[in-house]
Amino acid sequence: MRIISGSAKGRKIKSIKTMNTRPTSDKVKESIFNIIYNKVDSSIVLDLFSGTGNLGLECLSRGARNVTFIDVSPVCIKTIYENVNSMGFSERSTIIKGRVESKLGCLKGNKYDLIFIDPPYLKKLGIPVIEKISAYDILDERGLVVVEHSAREVFPQEVKDLIQWKNKKYGDTCITFYIKGGKNEDRSLSGEF
């Protein structure tokens, strides 16, 4: 895994040798960032189930103002620290160890432009996390939630006040994008966010 673009372009991301971690492939990552490229610079980002920090690190390389990483695994947290420090991103990073479902409540009052959710496949964690994001109102009005999940999992068109904006499939991997509904629903039709 490498950083695709930005200040750390080409830098290798330290990986984790465990069956429990499934990093986003470079192909899928590149596709995600081709879609969201105009949202990343100066953004406030939340990277949930961070693993190695792959998606958040890509955001930092592309000019994100700050990325908050959350993962429950001590090995993942150690790896994120190592990756953030080796790339010189420590001043723009917040790293939290704990279960995503319980740590989200601590973020009430914050607003994020981009929220990445990449839970273990087929564990049914994605939708409850999206529900909490909505309940705690931590997504900015023009923000975007990006969920990576198994193509065998179907995500609903609406989760509370969040509506599906786009869905892309890459083999067994699916990326589903959500935006805030209501007054912003016209964005889902126009393709803008």
Protein backbone atom coordinates (compact mmCIF):
# COMPACT_ATOMS: atom_id res chain seq x y z
CA MET A 1 0.00 0.00 0.00
CA ARG A 2 1.23 3.45 -0.92
CA ILE A 3 0.03 7.04 -0.77
CA ILE A 4 -1.42 7.81 -4.20
CA SER A 5 -1.21 11.60 -4.35
CA GLY A 6 -0.22 14.75 -2.49
CA SER A 7 2.72 15.67 -0.27
CA ALA A 8 3.50 12.04 0.66
CA LYS A 9 2.87 10.60 -2.82
CA GLY A 10 4.62 7.25 -3.29
CA ARG A 11 5.38 6.76 0.41
CA LYS A 12 4.79 3.21 1.63
CA ILE A 13 2.15 2.68 4.32
CA LYS A 14 3.21 0.22 7.00
CA SER A 15 0.81 -2.72 6.89
CA ILE A 16 -0.39 -5.22 9.49
CA LYS A 17 0.12 -8.95 9.04
CA THR A 18 -3.12 -10.29 10.48
CA MET A 19 -6.22 -11.96 9.12
CA ASN A 20 -8.43 -9.48 11.00
CA THR A 21 -7.29 -6.46 8.99
CA ARG A 22 -8.42 -5.99 5.40
CA PRO A 23 -6.81 -2.88 3.96
CA THR A 24 -8.53 -0.94 1.19
CA SER A 25 -6.81 -1.92 -2.06
CA ASP A 26 -4.97 0.78 -4.00
CA LYS A 27 -7.44 0.36 -6.88
CA VAL A 28 -10.50 0.93 -4.67
CA LYS A 29 -8.77 3.77 -2.82
CA GLU A 30 -7.89 5.50 -6.07
CA SER A 31 -11.49 5.20 -7.24
CA ILE A 32 -12.81 6.67 -3.96
CA PHE A 33 -10.46 9.64 -4.19
CA ASN A 34 -11.30 10.21 -7.85
CA ILE A 35 -14.91 10.67 -6.71
CA ILE A 36 -14.23 12.83 -3.62
CA TYR A 37 -11.10 14.70 -4.79
CA ASN A 38 -12.67 18.16 -4.41
CA LYS A 39 -13.76 17.47 -0.81
CA VAL A 40 -10.37 16.58 0.68
CA ASP A 41 -8.26 19.75 0.75
CA SER A 42 -8.71 21.64 4.07
CA SER A 43 -11.26 19.06 5.27
CA ILE A 44 -11.88 17.72 8.77
CA VAL A 45 -11.91 13.92 8.47
CA LEU A 46 -13.03 11.01 10.65
CA ASP A 47 -11.54 7.59 9.80
CA LEU A 48 -13.50 4.82 11.59
CA PHE A 49 -12.22 1.23 11.87
CA SER A 50 -8.96 2.80 10.68
CA GLY A 51 -6.75 -0.29 10.45
CA THR A 52 -3.42 1.03 9.17
CA GLY A 53 -4.83 4.54 8.68
CA ASN A 54 -4.72 4.12 4.90
CA LEU A 55 -7.68 6.37 3.99
CA GLY A 56 -6.96 9.05 6.58
CA LEU A 57 -3.28 9.18 5.59
CA GLU A 58 -4.29 9.70 1.97
CA CYS A 59 -6.47 12.63 3.10
CA LEU A 60 -3.60 14.16 5.08
CA SER A 61 -1.30 13.83 2.08
CA ARG A 62 -3.91 15.64 -0.03
CA GLY A 63 -4.19 18.57 2.37
CA ALA A 64 -6.82 17.62 4.97
CA ARG A 65 -6.70 19.98 7.95
CA ASN A 66 -7.12 17.20 10.52
CA VAL A 67 -7.89 13.47 10.62
CA THR A 68 -9.25 11.62 13.66
CA PHE A 69 -8.49 7.89 13.54
CA ILE A 70 -10.46 5.40 15.68
CA ASP A 71 -9.74 1.70 16.00
CA VAL A 72 -10.11 -0.85 18.80
CA SER A 73 -6.98 -2.89 18.03
CA PRO A 74 -3.77 -2.00 19.91
CA VAL A 75 -1.76 -3.27 16.91
CA CYS A 76 -3.70 -0.98 14.57
CA ILE A 77 -3.29 2.01 16.88
CA LYS A 78 0.48 1.41 17.10
CA THR A 79 0.68 1.11 13.30
CA ILE A 80 -1.33 4.32 12.77
CA TYR A 81 1.03 6.18 15.13
CA GLU A 82 4.04 4.85 13.21
CA ASN A 83 2.55 5.78 9.82
CA VAL A 84 1.45 9.25 10.94
CA ASN A 85 4.84 10.00 12.52
CA SER A 86 6.92 8.65 9.63
CA MET A 87 5.03 10.87 7.18
CA GLY A 88 5.18 13.98 9.36
CA PHE A 89 1.40 14.19 9.92
CA SER A 90 1.33 13.96 13.73
CA GLU A 91 0.31 17.62 14.27
CA ARG A 92 -2.77 17.14 12.09
CA SER A 93 -3.79 13.77 13.53
CA THR A 94 -5.85 12.61 16.49
CA ILE A 95 -5.67 8.88 17.30
CA ILE A 96 -8.27 7.26 19.56
CA LYS A 97 -8.18 3.67 20.78
CA GLY A 98 -11.56 2.12 21.47
CA ARG A 99 -14.70 0.64 20.00
CA VAL A 100 -16.05 2.91 17.29
CA GLU A 101 -19.63 2.45 18.51
CA SER A 102 -18.78 3.78 21.98
CA LYS A 103 -16.26 6.47 21.00
CA LEU A 104 -18.61 8.26 18.58
CA GLY A 105 -20.52 9.75 21.52
CA CYS A 106 -17.35 11.58 22.60
CA LEU A 107 -17.33 13.43 19.27
CA LYS A 108 -20.70 15.18 19.73
CA GLY A 109 -20.30 18.86 18.96
CA ASN A 110 -17.66 18.22 16.27
CA LYS A 111 -18.42 18.46 12.55
CA TYR A 112 -16.68 16.38 9.90
CA ASP A 113 -16.51 16.99 6.16
CA LEU A 114 -15.61 13.37 5.39
CA ILE A 115 -16.34 10.27 7.45
CA PHE A 116 -14.87 6.93 6.34
CA ILE A 117 -16.40 3.71 7.71
CA ASP A 118 -14.54 0.49 6.94
CA PRO A 119 -15.74 -2.15 9.43
CA PRO A 120 -14.96 -5.87 9.25
CA TYR A 121 -17.01 -7.39 6.43
CA LEU A 122 -20.36 -9.07 7.19
CA LYS A 123 -20.36 -8.08 10.89
CA LYS A 124 -23.38 -5.74 10.48
CA LEU A 125 -21.53 -2.80 12.04
CA GLY A 126 -21.91 -0.26 9.22
CA ILE A 127 -25.58 0.71 9.52
CA PRO A 128 -25.56 1.12 13.35
CA VAL A 129 -22.50 3.39 13.01
CA ILE A 130 -24.24 5.48 10.32
CA GLU A 131 -27.26 5.77 12.64
CA LYS A 132 -25.01 7.10 15.41
CA ILE A 133 -23.37 9.59 13.05
CA SER A 134 -26.85 10.89 12.28
CA ALA A 135 -28.01 10.86 15.91
CA TYR A 136 -24.92 12.74 17.14
CA ASP A 137 -25.12 15.16 14.17
CA ILE A 138 -21.38 15.05 13.50
CA LEU A 139 -21.55 15.21 9.70
CA ASP A 140 -21.24 18.71 8.26
CA GLU A 141 -24.23 19.94 6.21
CA ARG A 142 -22.27 19.43 2.99
CA GLY A 143 -20.31 16.45 4.30
CA LEU A 144 -20.01 12.95 2.95
CA VAL A 145 -19.99 9.49 4.56
CA VAL A 146 -18.00 6.85 2.65
CA VAL A 147 -18.72 3.23 3.64
CA GLU A 148 -16.63 0.30 2.43
CA HIS A 149 -18.45 -3.01 2.75
CA SER A 150 -18.92 -6.44 1.24
CA ALA A 151 -20.91 -6.52 -1.99
CA ARG A 152 -23.07 -9.13 -0.23
CA GLU A 153 -24.28 -6.49 2.22
CA VAL A 154 -27.07 -4.23 1.03
CA PHE A 155 -27.16 -0.74 2.50
CA PRO A 156 -30.48 1.14 2.56
CA GLN A 157 -31.28 4.24 0.49
CA GLU A 158 -31.88 6.17 3.72
CA VAL A 159 -30.45 5.88 7.22
CA LYS A 160 -32.20 8.42 9.44
CA ASP A 161 -31.43 11.82 7.84
CA LEU A 162 -28.70 10.47 5.56
CA ILE A 163 -29.48 9.44 2.00
CA GLN A 164 -27.50 7.32 -0.41
CA TRP A 165 -25.76 9.53 -2.99
CA LYS A 166 -23.80 6.93 -4.93
CA ASN A 167 -22.86 3.24 -4.85
CA LYS A 168 -19.90 1.61 -6.63
CA LYS A 169 -18.94 -2.06 -6.82
CA TYR A 170 -15.40 -3.44 -7.24
CA GLY A 171 -15.44 -7.24 -7.14
CA ASP A 172 -16.47 -8.26 -3.61
CA THR A 173 -16.06 -4.67 -2.36
CA CYS A 174 -18.77 -2.05 -2.44
CA ILE A 175 -18.43 1.65 -1.66
CA THR A 176 -21.61 3.42 -0.60
CA PHE A 177 -21.72 7.21 -0.19
CA TYR A 178 -24.22 9.07 2.02
CA ILE A 179 -25.07 12.76 2.27
CA LYS A 180 -27.47 14.64 4.51
CA GLY A 181 -31.03 14.54 3.21
CA GLY A 182 -33.80 17.11 3.44
CA LYS A 183 -32.78 20.40 1.90
CA ASN A 184 -29.70 18.79 0.38
CA GLU A 185 -31.53 16.00 -1.47
CA ASP A 186 -31.18 17.84 -4.78
CA ARG A 187 -27.43 17.10 -4.54
CA SER A 188 -28.14 13.37 -4.80
CA LEU A 189 -29.88 13.98 -8.08
CA SER A 190 -27.39 16.45 -9.51
CA GLY A 191 -24.33 14.41 -8.51
CA GLU A 192 -22.90 17.25 -6.40
CA PHE A 193 -22.19 17.22 -2.69
